[in-house]
Amino acid sequence: MFCIDNRCTDVYFNLAVEEYLLKQTQGDYFVIWQSEPSVVMGKNQSVRAEVNEDYRIEKGIRLARRFSGGGAVYHDKGNINLTFIETTSQPLFEDYLQRIVGFLETMGVTAYTDERLGIYLDGKKISGSAQCIHKNRVMYHCTLLFSANLDVLHTVLKGKSDELESIPGLKNIRAVPSVPSEVVNLNCFLDVSVNIKRFIHLLFHYFLIEDEQNSIYHFSRKDLAAIELLKVEKYANEDWIHHRVILKKI
């Protein structure tokens, strides 16, 4: 497995990275990444129903749409994102989930999961996930709340849920509502000496040494060019974000 420590914090670039690795490469990957303050919606969600747009715009929070399903999430520099991409004929998404729980155990944190593939501590959610399959390739990605601004999270993810609607441009497809959960930051359960930088280092190293055949991967110029193109043509495109049209399949 190739392990990528993606230091870019541009949410549109990072979402393009995921689709590029899933659809245009054949390797197995683990990617760790963060984004500047952003709301990331599932593929089939309504902006109006999920997002407090006035507040989002006032605070300069970016709006993005990923190509997997699931609910809307808030990213900031206190949130860590993990992505697993592999070639397999029998996807076992619970396996990725348990591997993350296994890492948390090495940090002295005993977490539990649910049928929606969330991770919880003391009844509160610290991680939500989404999945997708492309031919014989699978992707599992999740958030991990470490020290996110929960006041902002709660405020910006408060759309007009009573205004669920069919998604513009997608005939007869109803918007998928998010399932709200009480959340908590992981750092509340860790020693104060473990800051987010240290935590990310330990997390990346844990998966790097998980298998002796794993190695660190750096994007090539070819990779970066393809990712940047996908970012511009799709993820940073207002038509994709607001589902005003169905963009060509990239």
Protein backbone atom coordinates (compact mmCIF):
# COMPACT_ATOMS: atom_id res chain seq x y z
CA MET A 1 0.00 0.00 0.00
CA PHE A 2 1.22 3.47 -0.89
CA CYS A 3 0.94 5.96 1.98
CA ILE A 4 0.46 9.64 1.16
CA ASP A 5 0.82 12.47 3.65
CA ASN A 6 -1.07 15.09 1.67
CA ARG A 7 -0.19 18.52 3.07
CA CYS A 8 -2.43 20.50 0.70
CA THR A 9 -5.37 22.11 2.50
CA ASP A 10 -7.39 23.04 -0.62
CA VAL A 11 -10.57 20.97 -0.25
CA TYR A 12 -11.23 20.94 -4.00
CA PHE A 13 -7.75 19.60 -4.74
CA ASN A 14 -8.09 17.00 -2.00
CA LEU A 15 -11.42 15.70 -3.29
CA ALA A 16 -9.89 15.51 -6.77
CA VAL A 17 -7.00 13.47 -5.32
CA GLU A 18 -9.45 10.84 -4.10
CA GLU A 19 -11.25 10.47 -7.42
CA TYR A 20 -8.00 10.46 -9.38
CA LEU A 21 -6.45 7.71 -7.25
CA LEU A 22 -9.65 5.66 -7.38
CA LYS A 23 -10.38 5.93 -11.09
CA GLN A 24 -7.11 6.66 -12.85
CA THR A 25 -4.61 4.49 -10.98
CA GLN A 26 -4.40 0.84 -9.95
CA GLY A 27 -2.43 0.96 -6.70
CA ASP A 28 -3.67 0.61 -3.14
CA TYR A 29 -3.46 3.85 -1.16
CA PHE A 30 -3.79 5.33 2.29
CA VAL A 31 -4.06 9.13 2.32
CA ILE A 32 -4.12 11.46 5.31
CA TRP A 33 -5.19 15.05 4.71
CA GLN A 34 -6.77 18.19 6.12
CA SER A 35 -8.65 21.14 4.65
CA GLU A 36 -9.17 24.78 5.48
CA PRO A 37 -12.69 25.46 6.86
CA SER A 38 -15.11 23.77 4.45
CA VAL A 39 -18.49 22.10 4.30
CA VAL A 40 -18.35 18.90 2.26
CA MET A 41 -21.68 17.46 1.16
CA GLY A 42 -22.47 13.98 -0.04
CA LYS A 43 -23.00 13.51 -3.76
CA ASN A 44 -26.81 13.56 -3.57
CA GLN A 45 -27.48 16.25 -1.00
CA SER A 46 -29.22 19.60 -1.14
CA VAL A 47 -27.23 22.72 -0.21
CA ARG A 48 -30.35 24.42 1.12
CA ALA A 49 -31.26 21.49 3.37
CA GLU A 50 -27.78 20.95 4.78
CA VAL A 51 -25.97 24.27 5.01
CA ASN A 52 -26.54 27.59 6.76
CA GLU A 53 -25.46 29.55 3.70
CA ASP A 54 -25.62 33.02 5.25
CA TYR A 55 -23.32 31.94 8.07
CA ARG A 56 -21.02 29.98 5.74
CA ILE A 57 -20.53 32.96 3.44
CA GLU A 58 -20.07 35.36 6.34
CA LYS A 59 -17.30 33.18 7.80
CA GLY A 60 -15.61 32.46 4.45
CA ILE A 61 -16.17 28.72 4.73
CA ARG A 62 -15.82 26.87 1.44
CA LEU A 63 -18.60 24.70 0.04
CA ALA A 64 -17.74 21.44 -1.69
CA ARG A 65 -19.39 18.25 -2.91
CA ARG A 66 -17.67 14.86 -2.90
CA PHE A 67 -18.48 12.00 -5.29
CA SER A 68 -19.38 9.52 -2.53
CA GLY A 69 -22.70 9.44 -0.70
CA GLY A 70 -23.44 10.05 2.94
CA GLY A 71 -24.08 13.21 4.91
CA ALA A 72 -22.58 16.67 5.11
CA VAL A 73 -19.48 17.21 7.24
CA TYR A 74 -17.44 20.17 8.42
CA HIS A 75 -13.69 20.32 7.91
CA ASP A 76 -11.16 22.60 9.55
CA LYS A 77 -7.55 22.26 10.70
CA GLY A 78 -8.80 20.44 13.81
CA ASN A 79 -10.30 17.69 11.67
CA ILE A 80 -8.27 14.86 10.11
CA ASN A 81 -9.38 13.00 6.98
CA LEU A 82 -8.39 9.44 6.17
CA THR A 83 -8.86 7.77 2.79
CA PHE A 84 -8.31 4.11 1.87
CA ILE A 85 -8.42 3.06 -1.80
CA GLU A 86 -7.88 -0.52 -2.91
CA THR A 87 -8.51 -2.98 -5.71
CA THR A 88 -10.73 -5.79 -4.46
CA SER A 89 -13.66 -7.91 -5.57
CA GLN A 90 -15.07 -8.17 -2.04
CA PRO A 91 -15.08 -4.84 -0.25
CA LEU A 92 -15.13 -5.10 3.54
CA PHE A 93 -15.66 -1.54 4.70
CA GLU A 94 -15.83 -2.63 8.34
CA ASP A 95 -12.18 -3.67 8.05
CA TYR A 96 -11.05 -0.08 7.47
CA LEU A 97 -13.16 1.02 10.40
CA GLN A 98 -11.62 -1.53 12.76
CA ARG A 99 -8.10 -0.64 11.66
CA ILE A 100 -8.74 2.95 12.76
CA VAL A 101 -10.21 1.75 16.06
CA GLY A 102 -7.08 -0.37 16.46
CA PHE A 103 -4.90 2.71 16.12
CA LEU A 104 -6.97 4.56 18.71
CA GLU A 105 -6.39 1.67 21.11
CA THR A 106 -2.63 2.23 20.80
CA MET A 107 -3.31 5.78 22.00
CA GLY A 108 -5.14 4.50 25.06
CA VAL A 109 -8.58 5.30 23.65
CA THR A 110 -11.28 2.61 23.58
CA ALA A 111 -13.82 3.49 20.91
CA TYR A 112 -16.81 1.62 19.52
CA THR A 113 -18.60 1.59 16.18
CA ASP A 114 -22.15 1.35 14.85
CA GLU A 115 -23.92 -0.03 11.80
CA ARG A 116 -23.45 3.27 9.97
CA LEU A 117 -19.68 2.86 10.27
CA GLY A 118 -19.30 5.72 12.72
CA ILE A 119 -16.83 5.77 15.61
CA TYR A 120 -17.94 6.85 19.10
CA LEU A 121 -16.54 7.71 22.51
CA ASP A 122 -18.83 7.93 25.53
CA GLY A 123 -21.90 8.04 23.31
CA LYS A 124 -20.62 10.87 21.12
CA LYS A 125 -19.39 10.65 17.56
CA ILE A 126 -15.78 11.36 16.63
CA SER A 127 -15.81 9.94 13.10
CA GLY A 128 -18.23 9.54 10.21
CA SER A 129 -17.51 7.76 6.95
CA ALA A 130 -18.63 7.29 3.36
CA GLN A 131 -17.82 4.67 0.78
CA CYS A 132 -18.00 4.09 -2.96
CA ILE A 133 -17.17 1.42 -5.51
CA HIS A 134 -15.81 2.02 -9.03
CA LYS A 135 -15.52 -1.16 -11.07
CA ASN A 136 -13.14 -3.34 -9.03
CA ARG A 137 -11.89 -0.39 -6.97
CA VAL A 138 -13.23 0.66 -3.59
CA MET A 139 -12.82 3.77 -1.48
CA TYR A 140 -13.52 4.26 2.21
CA HIS A 141 -12.98 7.71 3.66
CA CYS A 142 -13.76 9.22 7.03
CA THR A 143 -13.39 12.27 9.20
CA LEU A 144 -11.71 12.19 12.61
CA LEU A 145 -12.55 15.09 14.89
CA PHE A 146 -9.47 15.98 16.93
CA SER A 147 -9.84 19.63 17.94
CA ALA A 148 -12.40 20.99 15.46
CA ASN A 149 -14.38 24.15 16.22
CA LEU A 150 -17.62 22.47 17.24
CA ASP A 151 -19.52 25.75 17.59
CA VAL A 152 -18.86 26.50 13.93
CA LEU A 153 -19.64 22.89 12.98
CA HIS A 154 -23.05 22.99 14.66
CA THR A 155 -23.94 26.39 13.21
CA VAL A 156 -22.86 25.88 9.60
CA LEU A 157 -24.43 22.41 9.33
CA LYS A 158 -27.87 23.74 10.16
CA GLY A 159 -29.70 24.05 6.87
CA LYS A 160 -33.44 24.14 6.25
CA SER A 161 -34.00 20.41 6.64
CA ASP A 162 -37.74 20.84 6.10
CA GLU A 163 -36.99 21.95 2.55
CA LEU A 164 -35.66 18.68 1.17
CA GLU A 165 -36.13 18.66 -2.55
CA SER A 166 -35.28 16.85 -5.72
CA ILE A 167 -31.72 17.64 -6.72
CA PRO A 168 -31.50 20.15 -9.59
CA GLY A 169 -30.23 18.46 -12.73
CA LEU A 170 -30.84 14.94 -11.40
CA LYS A 171 -34.33 13.92 -12.46
CA ASN A 172 -36.40 12.12 -9.84
CA ILE A 173 -33.55 11.85 -7.34
CA ARG A 174 -34.47 13.07 -3.88
CA ALA A 175 -31.87 14.78 -1.75
CA VAL A 176 -30.31 12.56 0.91
CA PRO A 177 -30.65 14.08 4.41
CA SER A 178 -27.83 13.97 6.92
CA VAL A 179 -28.36 12.02 10.14
CA PRO A 180 -27.42 14.35 13.01
CA SER A 181 -25.30 13.02 15.87
CA GLU A 182 -23.86 14.51 19.03
CA VAL A 183 -20.14 14.93 18.46
CA VAL A 184 -17.01 15.38 20.56
CA ASN A 185 -13.35 16.07 19.89
CA LEU A 186 -10.87 13.25 20.33
CA ASN A 187 -8.34 15.44 22.14
CA CYS A 188 -10.68 15.47 25.15
CA PHE A 189 -9.69 11.81 25.68
CA LEU A 190 -5.94 12.13 25.11
CA ASP A 191 -3.02 13.33 27.16
CA VAL A 192 -2.58 17.08 26.72
CA SER A 193 0.96 16.45 25.46
CA VAL A 194 -0.43 14.91 22.25
CA ASN A 195 -1.21 17.80 19.92
CA ILE A 196 -2.70 17.35 16.46
CA LYS A 197 0.66 17.46 14.69
CA ARG A 198 1.98 14.65 16.87
CA PHE A 199 -1.25 12.69 16.49
CA ILE A 200 -1.11 12.89 12.69
CA HIS A 201 2.51 11.76 12.72
CA LEU A 202 1.66 8.72 14.85
CA LEU A 203 -1.41 7.91 12.77
CA PHE A 204 0.48 8.05 9.48
CA HIS A 205 3.35 5.96 10.87
CA TYR A 206 0.90 3.36 12.23
CA PHE A 207 -0.49 2.62 8.76
CA LEU A 208 2.89 2.94 7.06
CA ILE A 209 4.38 0.12 9.14
CA GLU A 210 1.17 -1.95 9.12
CA ASP A 211 2.68 -4.02 6.30
CA GLU A 212 6.37 -4.29 5.49
CA GLN A 213 5.56 -3.77 1.81
CA ASN A 214 3.97 -0.37 2.43
CA SER A 215 5.87 2.69 1.22
CA ILE A 216 5.58 6.47 1.15
CA TYR A 217 4.30 7.88 -2.14
CA HIS A 218 4.82 11.38 -3.50
CA PHE A 219 2.72 12.76 -6.35
CA SER A 220 4.48 12.91 -9.70
CA ARG A 221 4.14 15.83 -12.09
CA LYS A 222 1.76 13.69 -14.13
CA ASP A 223 -0.35 13.01 -11.03
CA LEU A 224 -0.48 16.70 -10.09
CA ALA A 225 -1.46 17.78 -13.59
CA ALA A 226 -4.33 15.28 -13.73
CA ILE A 227 -5.51 16.16 -10.21
CA GLU A 228 -5.43 19.88 -10.92
CA LEU A 229 -7.45 19.39 -14.11
CA LEU A 230 -10.07 17.37 -12.24
CA LYS A 231 -10.20 20.01 -9.54
CA VAL A 232 -10.80 22.84 -12.02
CA GLU A 233 -13.26 21.00 -14.27
CA LYS A 234 -15.27 19.39 -11.50
CA TYR A 235 -14.71 20.00 -7.80
CA ALA A 236 -14.17 23.77 -7.88
CA ASN A 237 -16.89 24.13 -10.51
CA GLU A 238 -20.05 25.80 -9.18
CA ASP A 239 -22.21 23.60 -11.39
CA TRP A 240 -20.92 20.46 -9.66
CA ILE A 241 -21.16 22.00 -6.19
CA HIS A 242 -24.76 23.14 -6.68
CA HIS A 243 -25.80 20.33 -9.05
CA ARG A 244 -27.05 22.79 -11.64
CA VAL A 245 -26.03 20.43 -14.42
CA ILE A 246 -24.73 16.92 -14.72
CA LEU A 247 -21.10 17.31 -15.68
CA LYS A 248 -19.45 14.97 -18.10
CA LYS A 249 -18.04 11.83 -16.48
CA ILE A 250 -14.34 12.38 -15.80
